[in-house]
Amino acid sequence: MPTQRSRAPQRHLRGSDPVLARVMDAVDAAGNAPRWPPEPTEAEDPGAATGSYDVLVRAIVSQNISLSATRAIHARLVDRFGGHTPTPREILDDDPDRMRTAAGLSRAKTTSLRSLADCIDTGRLDLERLHDLPDEEVVARLSVVKGIGRWTSEIFLMFHLHRPDVLPVGDLSLRRAVQRAYGLETAPKPAELRLTAEPWRPYRTLASMYLWRDAEATPQV
């Protein structure tokens, strides 16, 4: 049963933005409301891994492709290593071209996975410390990995560290969702999205989740 405290983000968002309130009503009516705060073991994708390293591996795989493609490529990567997410050492010891071909990875993603593995293996990136750092410091720490930019870091903050006030302005699907919801002629630029989202603070993560869910249910024209 939701508590008064758990409903506070929804109440704030509904009261701060009537357009967003209509989006939330539609998503809730469809039975597709995101939970906030999430359950401790809850994942957005039931097939997703839950450890910080596993989540980053999956995030790299998912860059610029659909969820279905992500699942297929991730499954092939896992299959190559006996049914488990490859450890950093296993990735570094594998032949990069063979791993890329077997999993269907791009060269850039293969390079990024090897960079993540190397940063962890050498101690340049301590994943255990990320939970205790502020959002911008997490983004800075993850940037040592080739191919992990701000978008990947923000997705990690939202869906793994469950930070409540993240707004991934570089996410095109979110910008298009805002375009549809607010009746804009074009998708808002990052600065315009930040301005639109200002009333959503300090729950911009949940607002973004609602807009994504609404976009998933909206037929494309």
N, C-alpha and C. Protein backbone atom coordinates (compact mmCIF):
# COMPACT_ATOMS: atom_id res chain seq x y z
N MET A 1 0.85 -1.20 0.00
CA MET A 1 0.00 0.00 0.00
C MET A 1 0.88 1.24 0.00
N PRO A 2 0.71 2.17 -0.95
CA PRO A 2 1.52 3.37 -0.99
C PRO A 2 1.31 4.21 0.27
N THR A 3 2.38 4.79 0.79
CA THR A 3 2.30 5.66 1.95
C THR A 3 2.14 7.10 1.49
N GLN A 4 1.79 7.98 2.45
CA GLN A 4 1.67 9.40 2.12
C GLN A 4 2.99 9.93 1.60
N ARG A 5 4.09 9.47 2.18
CA ARG A 5 5.41 9.94 1.75
C ARG A 5 5.69 9.49 0.32
N SER A 6 5.32 8.25 -0.03
CA SER A 6 5.60 7.75 -1.37
C SER A 6 4.77 8.45 -2.43
N ARG A 7 3.63 9.03 -2.01
CA ARG A 7 2.78 9.76 -2.96
C ARG A 7 3.22 11.20 -3.14
N ALA A 8 4.10 11.69 -2.30
CA ALA A 8 4.50 13.10 -2.34
C ALA A 8 5.06 13.52 -3.70
N PRO A 9 5.92 12.74 -4.34
CA PRO A 9 6.42 13.16 -5.66
C PRO A 9 5.31 13.31 -6.69
N GLN A 10 4.36 12.37 -6.71
CA GLN A 10 3.26 12.47 -7.66
C GLN A 10 2.41 13.72 -7.38
N ARG A 11 2.14 13.99 -6.11
CA ARG A 11 1.34 15.17 -5.77
C ARG A 11 2.05 16.44 -6.20
N HIS A 12 3.35 16.49 -5.97
CA HIS A 12 4.12 17.67 -6.35
C HIS A 12 4.07 17.89 -7.86
N LEU A 13 4.30 16.83 -8.63
CA LEU A 13 4.33 16.96 -10.09
C LEU A 13 2.97 17.36 -10.64
N ARG A 14 1.91 16.76 -10.11
CA ARG A 14 0.57 17.11 -10.58
C ARG A 14 0.24 18.57 -10.28
N GLY A 15 0.67 19.03 -9.13
CA GLY A 15 0.36 20.40 -8.74
C GLY A 15 1.23 21.45 -9.40
N SER A 16 2.37 21.02 -9.93
CA SER A 16 3.32 22.00 -10.48
C SER A 16 3.16 22.23 -11.97
N ASP A 17 2.49 21.28 -12.69
CA ASP A 17 2.45 21.37 -14.15
C ASP A 17 1.18 20.67 -14.65
N PRO A 18 0.19 21.44 -15.11
CA PRO A 18 -1.06 20.80 -15.55
C PRO A 18 -0.90 19.90 -16.77
N VAL A 19 0.05 20.21 -17.65
CA VAL A 19 0.28 19.34 -18.81
C VAL A 19 0.82 18.00 -18.34
N LEU A 20 1.81 18.04 -17.47
CA LEU A 20 2.37 16.80 -16.94
C LEU A 20 1.31 16.03 -16.16
N ALA A 21 0.44 16.74 -15.46
CA ALA A 21 -0.62 16.07 -14.71
C ALA A 21 -1.51 15.25 -15.65
N ARG A 22 -1.81 15.79 -16.83
CA ARG A 22 -2.63 15.04 -17.80
C ARG A 22 -1.89 13.81 -18.31
N VAL A 23 -0.60 13.96 -18.53
CA VAL A 23 0.22 12.82 -18.94
C VAL A 23 0.17 11.74 -17.87
N MET A 24 0.34 12.14 -16.62
CA MET A 24 0.34 11.19 -15.52
C MET A 24 -1.00 10.49 -15.40
N ASP A 25 -2.09 11.24 -15.58
CA ASP A 25 -3.42 10.64 -15.52
C ASP A 25 -3.57 9.55 -16.59
N ALA A 26 -3.10 9.84 -17.80
CA ALA A 26 -3.22 8.87 -18.90
C ALA A 26 -2.39 7.62 -18.63
N VAL A 27 -1.17 7.83 -18.14
CA VAL A 27 -0.29 6.69 -17.85
C VAL A 27 -0.87 5.85 -16.70
N ASP A 28 -1.33 6.51 -15.67
CA ASP A 28 -1.92 5.79 -14.53
C ASP A 28 -3.16 5.02 -14.97
N ALA A 29 -4.00 5.65 -15.80
CA ALA A 29 -5.24 4.99 -16.24
C ALA A 29 -4.94 3.75 -17.08
N ALA A 30 -3.80 3.75 -17.76
CA ALA A 30 -3.41 2.59 -18.57
C ALA A 30 -2.74 1.51 -17.72
N GLY A 31 -2.59 1.76 -16.42
CA GLY A 31 -1.95 0.79 -15.54
C GLY A 31 -0.46 0.66 -15.76
N ASN A 32 0.17 1.75 -16.21
CA ASN A 32 1.59 1.70 -16.58
C ASN A 32 2.42 2.66 -15.77
N ALA A 33 1.94 3.05 -14.60
CA ALA A 33 2.65 4.06 -13.81
C ALA A 33 3.98 3.53 -13.28
N PRO A 34 5.04 4.32 -13.42
CA PRO A 34 6.32 3.92 -12.80
C PRO A 34 6.24 4.06 -11.29
N ARG A 35 6.93 3.22 -10.57
CA ARG A 35 6.94 3.31 -9.12
C ARG A 35 8.06 4.23 -8.65
N TRP A 36 7.72 5.08 -7.70
CA TRP A 36 8.76 5.92 -7.08
C TRP A 36 8.39 6.17 -5.63
N PRO A 37 9.30 5.90 -4.69
CA PRO A 37 10.61 5.28 -4.97
C PRO A 37 10.45 3.83 -5.37
N PRO A 38 11.38 3.30 -6.18
CA PRO A 38 11.27 1.91 -6.63
C PRO A 38 11.49 0.94 -5.50
N GLU A 39 10.97 -0.25 -5.68
CA GLU A 39 11.25 -1.31 -4.72
C GLU A 39 12.74 -1.62 -4.77
N PRO A 40 13.33 -2.07 -3.64
CA PRO A 40 14.78 -2.33 -3.61
C PRO A 40 15.27 -3.28 -4.69
N THR A 41 14.44 -4.26 -5.08
CA THR A 41 14.89 -5.24 -6.07
C THR A 41 14.28 -5.00 -7.44
N GLU A 42 13.54 -3.89 -7.59
CA GLU A 42 12.81 -3.66 -8.83
C GLU A 42 13.75 -3.15 -9.91
N ALA A 43 13.57 -3.64 -11.13
CA ALA A 43 14.32 -3.15 -12.28
C ALA A 43 13.34 -2.75 -13.36
N GLU A 44 13.68 -1.73 -14.14
CA GLU A 44 12.81 -1.30 -15.23
C GLU A 44 12.59 -2.43 -16.24
N ASP A 45 13.62 -3.18 -16.50
CA ASP A 45 13.52 -4.31 -17.43
C ASP A 45 13.76 -5.58 -16.63
N PRO A 46 12.78 -6.49 -16.57
CA PRO A 46 12.96 -7.70 -15.76
C PRO A 46 14.19 -8.50 -16.12
N GLY A 47 14.70 -8.34 -17.35
CA GLY A 47 15.88 -9.10 -17.75
C GLY A 47 17.18 -8.40 -17.42
N ALA A 48 17.08 -7.22 -16.82
CA ALA A 48 18.29 -6.44 -16.56
C ALA A 48 19.02 -6.96 -15.32
N ALA A 49 20.34 -6.83 -15.35
CA ALA A 49 21.14 -7.19 -14.18
C ALA A 49 21.02 -6.08 -13.14
N THR A 50 21.41 -6.38 -11.89
CA THR A 50 21.19 -5.43 -10.81
C THR A 50 22.46 -4.85 -10.22
N GLY A 51 23.64 -5.46 -10.41
CA GLY A 51 24.87 -4.91 -9.88
C GLY A 51 25.36 -3.74 -10.71
N SER A 52 26.13 -2.84 -10.08
CA SER A 52 26.59 -1.64 -10.78
C SER A 52 27.36 -1.97 -12.06
N TYR A 53 28.26 -2.93 -11.98
CA TYR A 53 29.03 -3.30 -13.16
C TYR A 53 28.13 -3.90 -14.24
N ASP A 54 27.23 -4.79 -13.85
CA ASP A 54 26.31 -5.41 -14.81
C ASP A 54 25.44 -4.35 -15.49
N VAL A 55 24.98 -3.39 -14.70
CA VAL A 55 24.13 -2.33 -15.24
C VAL A 55 24.89 -1.50 -16.26
N LEU A 56 26.15 -1.20 -15.99
CA LEU A 56 26.95 -0.41 -16.93
C LEU A 56 27.23 -1.19 -18.21
N VAL A 57 27.49 -2.48 -18.08
CA VAL A 57 27.68 -3.31 -19.28
C VAL A 57 26.42 -3.24 -20.14
N ARG A 58 25.28 -3.41 -19.51
CA ARG A 58 24.02 -3.37 -20.26
C ARG A 58 23.76 -1.98 -20.84
N ALA A 59 24.12 -0.94 -20.08
CA ALA A 59 23.91 0.42 -20.57
C ALA A 59 24.74 0.69 -21.82
N ILE A 60 25.97 0.20 -21.84
CA ILE A 60 26.82 0.37 -23.02
C ILE A 60 26.20 -0.36 -24.21
N VAL A 61 25.74 -1.58 -23.98
CA VAL A 61 25.11 -2.35 -25.05
C VAL A 61 23.90 -1.61 -25.61
N SER A 62 23.15 -0.92 -24.74
CA SER A 62 21.88 -0.32 -25.13
C SER A 62 22.00 1.01 -25.86
N GLN A 63 23.19 1.57 -25.93
CA GLN A 63 23.34 2.91 -26.51
C GLN A 63 22.84 2.95 -27.96
N ASN A 64 21.89 3.85 -28.21
CA ASN A 64 21.40 4.14 -29.56
C ASN A 64 20.69 2.98 -30.25
N ILE A 65 20.18 2.01 -29.49
CA ILE A 65 19.41 0.93 -30.10
C ILE A 65 18.16 0.68 -29.26
N SER A 66 17.23 -0.08 -29.82
CA SER A 66 15.96 -0.34 -29.15
C SER A 66 16.14 -1.33 -28.00
N LEU A 67 15.10 -1.41 -27.16
CA LEU A 67 15.13 -2.36 -26.05
C LEU A 67 15.22 -3.80 -26.55
N SER A 68 14.48 -4.12 -27.62
CA SER A 68 14.52 -5.49 -28.14
C SER A 68 15.91 -5.83 -28.67
N ALA A 69 16.56 -4.89 -29.35
CA ALA A 69 17.92 -5.12 -29.85
C ALA A 69 18.89 -5.26 -28.69
N THR A 70 18.70 -4.45 -27.66
CA THR A 70 19.55 -4.54 -26.47
C THR A 70 19.47 -5.92 -25.85
N ARG A 71 18.25 -6.43 -25.71
CA ARG A 71 18.06 -7.75 -25.09
C ARG A 71 18.75 -8.84 -25.91
N ALA A 72 18.63 -8.74 -27.23
CA ALA A 72 19.22 -9.77 -28.10
C ALA A 72 20.74 -9.75 -28.02
N ILE A 73 21.33 -8.57 -28.11
CA ILE A 73 22.79 -8.47 -28.09
C ILE A 73 23.33 -8.84 -26.72
N HIS A 74 22.66 -8.36 -25.67
CA HIS A 74 23.11 -8.69 -24.32
C HIS A 74 23.05 -10.20 -24.08
N ALA A 75 21.99 -10.84 -24.57
CA ALA A 75 21.85 -12.30 -24.41
C ALA A 75 22.99 -13.03 -25.11
N ARG A 76 23.37 -12.57 -26.31
CA ARG A 76 24.48 -13.22 -27.02
C ARG A 76 25.81 -13.00 -26.30
N LEU A 77 25.98 -11.81 -25.73
CA LEU A 77 27.20 -11.55 -24.97
C LEU A 77 27.29 -12.47 -23.76
N VAL A 78 26.19 -12.60 -23.04
CA VAL A 78 26.15 -13.47 -21.87
C VAL A 78 26.38 -14.92 -22.27
N ASP A 79 25.77 -15.36 -23.37
CA ASP A 79 25.94 -16.73 -23.83
C ASP A 79 27.40 -17.04 -24.13
N ARG A 80 28.11 -16.06 -24.66
CA ARG A 80 29.52 -16.30 -25.00
C ARG A 80 30.34 -16.63 -23.76
N PHE A 81 29.88 -16.15 -22.60
CA PHE A 81 30.64 -16.36 -21.37
C PHE A 81 29.92 -17.30 -20.41
N GLY A 82 29.27 -18.30 -20.99
CA GLY A 82 28.71 -19.36 -20.17
C GLY A 82 27.47 -18.98 -19.39
N GLY A 83 26.74 -17.96 -19.83
CA GLY A 83 25.48 -17.62 -19.19
C GLY A 83 25.57 -16.55 -18.13
N HIS A 84 26.73 -15.90 -18.00
CA HIS A 84 26.85 -14.82 -17.01
C HIS A 84 27.48 -13.58 -17.67
N THR A 85 27.23 -12.42 -17.07
CA THR A 85 27.89 -11.21 -17.55
C THR A 85 29.39 -11.40 -17.41
N PRO A 86 30.15 -11.17 -18.48
CA PRO A 86 31.60 -11.39 -18.38
C PRO A 86 32.24 -10.46 -17.37
N THR A 87 33.15 -11.00 -16.58
CA THR A 87 33.88 -10.18 -15.63
C THR A 87 34.84 -9.26 -16.39
N PRO A 88 35.33 -8.21 -15.74
CA PRO A 88 36.32 -7.36 -16.41
C PRO A 88 37.52 -8.16 -16.95
N ARG A 89 37.99 -9.10 -16.18
CA ARG A 89 39.14 -9.88 -16.62
C ARG A 89 38.79 -10.74 -17.83
N GLU A 90 37.59 -11.31 -17.85
CA GLU A 90 37.17 -12.13 -18.99
C GLU A 90 37.07 -11.29 -20.26
N ILE A 91 36.56 -10.08 -20.14
CA ILE A 91 36.48 -9.20 -21.32
C ILE A 91 37.87 -8.87 -21.83
N LEU A 92 38.78 -8.54 -20.94
CA LEU A 92 40.14 -8.17 -21.34
C LEU A 92 40.90 -9.35 -21.93
N ASP A 93 40.59 -10.55 -21.46
CA ASP A 93 41.30 -11.74 -21.96
C ASP A 93 40.72 -12.25 -23.27
N ASP A 94 39.51 -11.84 -23.61
CA ASP A 94 38.87 -12.32 -24.83
C ASP A 94 39.40 -11.55 -26.04
N ASP A 95 39.33 -12.18 -27.19
CA ASP A 95 39.70 -11.50 -28.43
C ASP A 95 38.59 -10.49 -28.77
N PRO A 96 38.91 -9.21 -28.88
CA PRO A 96 37.85 -8.21 -29.07
C PRO A 96 37.05 -8.40 -30.34
N ASP A 97 37.71 -8.80 -31.44
CA ASP A 97 36.99 -8.98 -32.69
C ASP A 97 36.05 -10.17 -32.62
N ARG A 98 36.49 -11.25 -31.99
CA ARG A 98 35.62 -12.43 -31.86
C ARG A 98 34.45 -12.13 -30.94
N MET A 99 34.70 -11.41 -29.85
CA MET A 99 33.61 -11.05 -28.94
C MET A 99 32.62 -10.14 -29.65
N ARG A 100 33.11 -9.18 -30.41
CA ARG A 100 32.25 -8.26 -31.13
C ARG A 100 31.36 -9.00 -32.13
N THR A 101 31.96 -9.91 -32.89
CA THR A 101 31.20 -10.64 -33.90
C THR A 101 30.18 -11.58 -33.26
N ALA A 102 30.59 -12.28 -32.21
CA ALA A 102 29.70 -13.24 -31.56
C ALA A 102 28.47 -12.57 -30.96
N ALA A 103 28.67 -11.40 -30.37
CA ALA A 103 27.56 -10.72 -29.69
C ALA A 103 26.78 -9.78 -30.61
N GLY A 104 27.40 -9.39 -31.73
CA GLY A 104 26.76 -8.41 -32.60
C GLY A 104 26.97 -6.98 -32.13
N LEU A 105 28.09 -6.75 -31.45
CA LEU A 105 28.43 -5.42 -30.95
C LEU A 105 29.07 -4.57 -32.03
N SER A 106 28.94 -3.26 -31.90
CA SER A 106 29.70 -2.36 -32.77
C SER A 106 31.13 -2.28 -32.26
N ARG A 107 32.02 -1.77 -33.10
CA ARG A 107 33.41 -1.59 -32.67
C ARG A 107 33.49 -0.60 -31.50
N ALA A 108 32.67 0.46 -31.58
CA ALA A 108 32.70 1.47 -30.51
C ALA A 108 32.26 0.87 -29.17
N LYS A 109 31.22 0.03 -29.20
CA LYS A 109 30.75 -0.56 -27.95
C LYS A 109 31.74 -1.60 -27.41
N THR A 110 32.40 -2.30 -28.31
CA THR A 110 33.43 -3.25 -27.89
C THR A 110 34.56 -2.50 -27.20
N THR A 111 34.98 -1.39 -27.78
CA THR A 111 36.02 -0.56 -27.18
C THR A 111 35.58 -0.04 -25.82
N SER A 112 34.31 0.36 -25.71
CA SER A 112 33.80 0.88 -24.45
C SER A 112 33.75 -0.19 -23.37
N LEU A 113 33.32 -1.40 -23.73
CA LEU A 113 33.29 -2.49 -22.76
C LEU A 113 34.69 -2.82 -22.26
N ARG A 114 35.67 -2.81 -23.17
CA ARG A 114 37.04 -3.08 -22.77
C ARG A 114 37.60 -1.95 -21.92
N SER A 115 37.21 -0.71 -22.22
CA SER A 115 37.65 0.41 -21.39
C SER A 115 37.07 0.32 -19.99
N LEU A 116 35.78 -0.03 -19.88
CA LEU A 116 35.16 -0.22 -18.57
C LEU A 116 35.89 -1.31 -17.80
N ALA A 117 36.15 -2.42 -18.47
CA ALA A 117 36.85 -3.53 -17.82
C ALA A 117 38.23 -3.11 -17.34
N ASP A 118 38.95 -2.35 -18.17
CA ASP A 118 40.30 -1.92 -17.81
C ASP A 118 40.27 -0.95 -16.63
N CYS A 119 39.31 -0.01 -16.64
CA CYS A 119 39.22 0.96 -15.54
C CYS A 119 38.94 0.27 -14.21
N ILE A 120 38.11 -0.75 -14.24
CA ILE A 120 37.81 -1.49 -13.02
C ILE A 120 38.99 -2.36 -12.61
N ASP A 121 39.58 -3.03 -13.59
CA ASP A 121 40.69 -3.94 -13.31
C ASP A 121 41.90 -3.21 -12.73
N THR A 122 42.13 -1.99 -13.19
CA THR A 122 43.28 -1.22 -12.72
C THR A 122 42.98 -0.35 -11.51
N GLY A 123 41.70 -0.30 -11.10
CA GLY A 123 41.33 0.50 -9.95
C GLY A 123 41.06 1.96 -10.25
N ARG A 124 41.05 2.35 -11.51
CA ARG A 124 40.75 3.74 -11.86
C ARG A 124 39.30 4.09 -11.60
N LEU A 125 38.45 3.09 -11.58
CA LEU A 125 37.03 3.30 -11.31
C LEU A 125 36.59 2.36 -10.20
N ASP A 126 36.15 2.93 -9.07
CA ASP A 126 35.68 2.16 -7.93
C ASP A 126 34.16 2.26 -7.89
N LEU A 127 33.49 1.23 -8.37
CA LEU A 127 32.03 1.28 -8.47
C LEU A 127 31.35 1.34 -7.11
N GLU A 128 31.98 0.77 -6.09
CA GLU A 128 31.37 0.75 -4.77
C GLU A 128 31.21 2.16 -4.19
N ARG A 129 32.07 3.07 -4.59
CA ARG A 129 32.03 4.43 -4.04
C ARG A 129 30.97 5.29 -4.70
N LEU A 130 30.47 4.90 -5.85
CA LEU A 130 29.55 5.75 -6.58
C LEU A 130 28.26 6.01 -5.81
N HIS A 131 27.81 5.03 -5.02
CA HIS A 131 26.56 5.17 -4.29
C HIS A 131 26.59 6.35 -3.32
N ASP A 132 27.77 6.73 -2.85
CA ASP A 132 27.89 7.77 -1.82
C ASP A 132 28.22 9.14 -2.39
N LEU A 133 28.35 9.24 -3.71
CA LEU A 133 28.78 10.50 -4.33
C LEU A 133 27.60 11.28 -4.87
N PRO A 134 27.70 12.62 -4.92
CA PRO A 134 26.65 13.41 -5.55
C PRO A 134 26.58 13.13 -7.05
N ASP A 135 25.46 13.50 -7.65
CA ASP A 135 25.19 13.16 -9.05
C ASP A 135 26.32 13.58 -9.98
N GLU A 136 26.74 14.82 -9.90
CA GLU A 136 27.76 15.31 -10.84
C GLU A 136 29.10 14.61 -10.65
N GLU A 137 29.39 14.20 -9.44
CA GLU A 137 30.63 13.48 -9.21
C GLU A 137 30.56 12.07 -9.81
N VAL A 138 29.37 11.45 -9.75
CA VAL A 138 29.19 10.16 -10.40
C VAL A 138 29.44 10.29 -11.90
N VAL A 139 28.87 11.32 -12.51
CA VAL A 139 29.07 11.56 -13.94
C VAL A 139 30.55 11.73 -14.25
N ALA A 140 31.26 12.49 -13.41
CA ALA A 140 32.69 12.73 -13.62
C ALA A 140 33.49 11.43 -13.49
N ARG A 141 33.17 10.61 -12.50
CA ARG A 141 33.91 9.36 -12.29
C ARG A 141 33.70 8.40 -13.46
N LEU A 142 32.47 8.32 -13.96
CA LEU A 142 32.19 7.39 -15.05
C LEU A 142 32.78 7.86 -16.38
N SER A 143 33.09 9.14 -16.48
CA SER A 143 33.61 9.67 -17.75
C SER A 143 35.00 9.16 -18.09
N VAL A 144 35.67 8.49 -17.13
CA VAL A 144 36.99 7.93 -17.44
C VAL A 144 36.87 6.76 -18.41
N VAL A 145 35.67 6.22 -18.55
CA VAL A 145 35.44 5.08 -19.45
C VAL A 145 35.13 5.61 -20.84
N LYS A 146 35.87 5.13 -21.83
CA LYS A 146 35.61 5.53 -23.21
C LYS A 146 34.20 5.09 -23.60
N GLY A 147 33.43 6.02 -24.14
CA GLY A 147 32.10 5.67 -24.60
C GLY A 147 31.01 5.86 -23.57
N ILE A 148 31.37 6.15 -22.32
CA ILE A 148 30.35 6.48 -21.32
C ILE A 148 30.31 7.99 -21.20
N GLY A 149 29.28 8.56 -21.78
CA GLY A 149 29.08 10.00 -21.71
C GLY A 149 28.00 10.35 -20.71
N ARG A 150 27.51 11.55 -20.82
CA ARG A 150 26.54 12.03 -19.85
C ARG A 150 25.24 11.23 -19.88
N TRP A 151 24.75 10.87 -21.08
CA TRP A 151 23.49 10.15 -21.16
C TRP A 151 23.57 8.82 -20.41
N THR A 152 24.61 8.04 -20.68
CA THR A 152 24.75 6.75 -20.01
C THR A 152 24.85 6.93 -18.50
N SER A 153 25.60 7.94 -18.07
CA SER A 153 25.75 8.21 -16.64
C SER A 153 24.41 8.60 -16.01
N GLU A 154 23.63 9.39 -16.72
CA GLU A 154 22.33 9.80 -16.18
C GLU A 154 21.35 8.64 -16.10
N ILE A 155 21.37 7.76 -17.09
CA ILE A 155 20.53 6.56 -17.01
C ILE A 155 20.93 5.71 -15.82
N PHE A 156 22.23 5.59 -15.57
CA PHE A 156 22.75 4.86 -14.41
C PHE A 156 22.26 5.51 -13.12
N LEU A 157 22.30 6.84 -13.05
CA LEU A 157 21.82 7.55 -11.87
C LEU A 157 20.33 7.31 -11.63
N MET A 158 19.56 7.33 -12.71
CA MET A 158 18.11 7.21 -12.58
C MET A 158 17.67 5.81 -12.21
N PHE A 159 18.14 4.83 -12.97
CA PHE A 159 17.57 3.48 -12.88
C PHE A 159 18.35 2.52 -11.99
N HIS A 160 19.57 2.91 -11.61
CA HIS A 160 20.32 2.04 -10.71
C HIS A 160 20.54 2.68 -9.35
N LEU A 161 21.00 3.93 -9.34
CA LEU A 161 21.20 4.61 -8.07
C LEU A 161 19.91 5.27 -7.56
N HIS A 162 18.87 5.31 -8.41
CA HIS A 162 17.56 5.84 -8.03
C HIS A 162 17.63 7.27 -7.52
N ARG A 163 18.42 8.10 -8.21
CA ARG A 163 18.51 9.50 -7.83
C ARG A 163 17.24 10.22 -8.31
N PRO A 164 16.62 11.04 -7.48
CA PRO A 164 15.27 11.54 -7.78
C PRO A 164 15.19 12.73 -8.73
N ASP A 165 16.28 13.45 -8.94
CA ASP A 165 16.16 14.72 -9.67
C ASP A 165 17.10 14.78 -10.86
N VAL A 166 17.06 13.75 -11.71
CA VAL A 166 17.91 13.68 -12.90
C VAL A 166 17.05 14.00 -14.12
N LEU A 167 17.56 14.87 -14.99
CA LEU A 167 16.86 15.23 -16.22
C LEU A 167 17.81 15.01 -17.40
N PRO A 168 17.65 13.91 -18.14
CA PRO A 168 18.56 13.61 -19.27
C PRO A 168 18.19 14.41 -20.52
N VAL A 169 18.62 15.66 -20.56
CA VAL A 169 18.20 16.56 -21.64
C VAL A 169 18.73 16.12 -23.00
N GLY A 170 19.73 15.25 -23.03
CA GLY A 170 20.25 14.76 -24.29
C GLY A 170 19.48 13.59 -24.86
N ASP A 171 18.48 13.12 -24.14
CA ASP A 171 17.72 11.95 -24.58
C ASP A 171 16.66 12.38 -25.58
N LEU A 172 16.81 11.98 -26.84
CA LEU A 172 15.91 12.42 -27.89
C LEU A 172 14.49 11.91 -27.66
N SER A 173 14.35 10.70 -27.14
CA SER A 173 13.00 10.17 -26.91
C SER A 173 12.26 10.99 -25.86
N LEU A 174 12.96 11.48 -24.85
CA LEU A 174 12.33 12.33 -23.85
C LEU A 174 11.94 13.67 -24.45
N ARG A 175 12.81 14.24 -25.26
CA ARG A 175 12.51 15.53 -25.89
C ARG A 175 11.31 15.40 -26.84
N ARG A 176 11.22 14.29 -27.56
CA ARG A 176 10.07 14.08 -28.44
C ARG A 176 8.80 13.85 -27.63
N ALA A 177 8.93 13.19 -26.48
CA ALA A 177 7.76 13.00 -25.61
C ALA A 177 7.24 14.34 -25.12
N VAL A 178 8.16 15.24 -24.76
CA VAL A 178 7.75 16.58 -24.33
C VAL A 178 7.12 17.34 -25.50
N GLN A 179 7.69 17.19 -26.69
CA GLN A 179 7.12 17.83 -27.87
C GLN A 179 5.65 17.43 -28.06
N ARG A 180 5.36 16.12 -27.97
CA ARG A 180 4.00 15.64 -28.15
C ARG A 180 3.08 16.12 -27.02
N ALA A 181 3.56 15.99 -25.80
CA ALA A 181 2.71 16.32 -24.65
C ALA A 181 2.36 17.80 -24.60
N TYR A 182 3.30 18.65 -25.00
CA TYR A 182 3.09 20.10 -24.89
C TYR A 182 2.68 20.73 -26.22
N GLY A 183 2.48 19.91 -27.25
CA GLY A 183 2.02 20.42 -28.52
C GLY A 183 3.00 21.35 -29.21
N LEU A 184 4.28 21.03 -29.13
CA LEU A 184 5.32 21.87 -29.72
C LEU A 184 5.54 21.47 -31.19
N GLU A 185 5.97 22.40 -31.99
CA GLU A 185 6.22 22.11 -33.40
C GLU A 185 7.46 21.25 -33.58
N THR A 186 8.45 21.44 -32.74
CA THR A 186 9.69 20.66 -32.81
C THR A 186 10.07 20.20 -31.41
N ALA A 187 10.94 19.22 -31.35
CA ALA A 187 11.44 18.77 -30.05
C ALA A 187 12.24 19.88 -29.39
N PRO A 188 12.03 20.12 -28.10
CA PRO A 188 12.75 21.21 -27.43
C PRO A 188 14.25 20.96 -27.38
N LYS A 189 15.01 22.01 -27.49
CA LYS A 189 16.45 21.92 -27.30
C LYS A 189 16.73 21.68 -25.82
N PRO A 190 17.93 21.19 -25.47
CA PRO A 190 18.22 20.91 -24.06
C PRO A 190 17.91 22.09 -23.13
N ALA A 191 18.29 23.30 -23.52
CA ALA A 191 18.03 24.46 -22.65
C ALA A 191 16.54 24.69 -22.48
N GLU A 192 15.77 24.48 -23.55
CA GLU A 192 14.32 24.65 -23.47
C GLU A 192 13.69 23.58 -22.59
N LEU A 193 14.21 22.36 -22.67
CA LEU A 193 13.70 21.28 -21.82
C LEU A 193 13.99 21.57 -20.35
N ARG A 194 15.18 22.07 -20.06
CA ARG A 194 15.49 22.42 -18.67
C ARG A 194 14.51 23.45 -18.14
N LEU A 195 14.17 24.43 -18.94
CA LEU A 195 13.23 25.47 -18.52
C LEU A 195 11.84 24.87 -18.28
N THR A 196 11.39 24.03 -19.20
CA THR A 196 10.08 23.37 -19.04
C THR A 196 10.05 22.53 -17.77
N ALA A 197 11.16 21.88 -17.47
CA ALA A 197 11.22 20.94 -16.35
C ALA A 197 11.50 21.59 -15.01
N GLU A 198 11.74 22.88 -14.99
CA GLU A 198 12.09 23.54 -13.73
C GLU A 198 11.03 23.32 -12.65
N PRO A 199 9.72 23.40 -12.97
CA PRO A 199 8.72 23.17 -11.92
C PRO A 199 8.71 21.74 -11.38
N TRP A 200 9.30 20.80 -12.11
CA TRP A 200 9.28 19.41 -11.67
C TRP A 200 10.25 19.12 -10.53
N ARG A 201 11.22 20.01 -10.33
CA ARG A 201 12.18 19.78 -9.24
C ARG A 201 11.44 19.59 -7.93
N PRO A 202 11.89 18.71 -7.05
CA PRO A 202 13.09 17.86 -7.11
C PRO A 202 12.78 16.43 -7.56
N TYR A 203 11.81 16.28 -8.47
CA TYR A 203 11.40 14.94 -8.90
C TYR A 203 11.44 14.81 -10.42
N ARG A 204 12.48 15.34 -11.04
CA ARG A 204 12.56 15.30 -12.50
C ARG A 204 12.76 13.88 -13.03
N THR A 205 13.33 13.00 -12.21
CA THR A 205 13.46 11.60 -12.63
C THR A 205 12.08 10.98 -12.87
N LEU A 206 11.19 11.13 -11.91
CA LEU A 206 9.85 10.54 -12.04
C LEU A 206 9.08 11.19 -13.18
N ALA A 207 9.20 12.49 -13.35
CA ALA A 207 8.54 13.17 -14.47
C ALA A 207 9.01 12.59 -15.80
N SER A 208 10.31 12.37 -15.92
CA SER A 208 10.86 11.80 -17.15
C SER A 208 10.32 10.40 -17.39
N MET A 209 10.21 9.62 -16.32
CA MET A 209 9.69 8.26 -16.45
C MET A 209 8.26 8.28 -16.98
N TYR A 210 7.44 9.19 -16.45
CA TYR A 210 6.06 9.29 -16.92
C TYR A 210 6.01 9.66 -18.39
N LEU A 211 6.84 10.61 -18.80
CA LEU A 211 6.83 11.04 -20.20
C LEU A 211 7.29 9.91 -21.11
N TRP A 212 8.27 9.14 -20.69
CA TRP A 212 8.71 7.98 -21.48
C TRP A 212 7.58 6.96 -21.61
N ARG A 213 6.91 6.68 -20.49
CA ARG A 213 5.82 5.70 -20.52
C ARG A 213 4.70 6.18 -21.44
N ASP A 214 4.39 7.48 -21.38
CA ASP A 214 3.35 8.03 -22.24
C ASP A 214 3.74 7.92 -23.71
N ALA A 215 5.00 8.19 -24.01
CA ALA A 215 5.46 8.11 -25.41
C ALA A 215 5.39 6.68 -25.92
N GLU A 216 5.68 5.70 -25.07
CA GLU A 216 5.62 4.30 -25.48
C GLU A 216 4.20 3.90 -25.87
N ALA A 217 3.23 4.53 -25.24
CA ALA A 217 1.82 4.17 -25.49
C ALA A 217 1.19 5.02 -26.58
N THR A 218 1.93 6.00 -27.09
CA THR A 218 1.38 6.92 -28.09
C THR A 218 1.75 6.45 -29.49
N PRO A 219 0.80 6.19 -30.36
CA PRO A 219 1.13 5.77 -31.73
C PRO A 219 1.95 6.82 -32.44
N GLN A 220 2.97 6.37 -33.18
CA GLN A 220 3.81 7.29 -33.94
C GLN A 220 3.11 7.65 -35.25
N VAL A 221 3.23 8.92 -35.64
CA VAL A 221 2.60 9.39 -36.87
C VAL A 221 3.67 9.93 -37.82
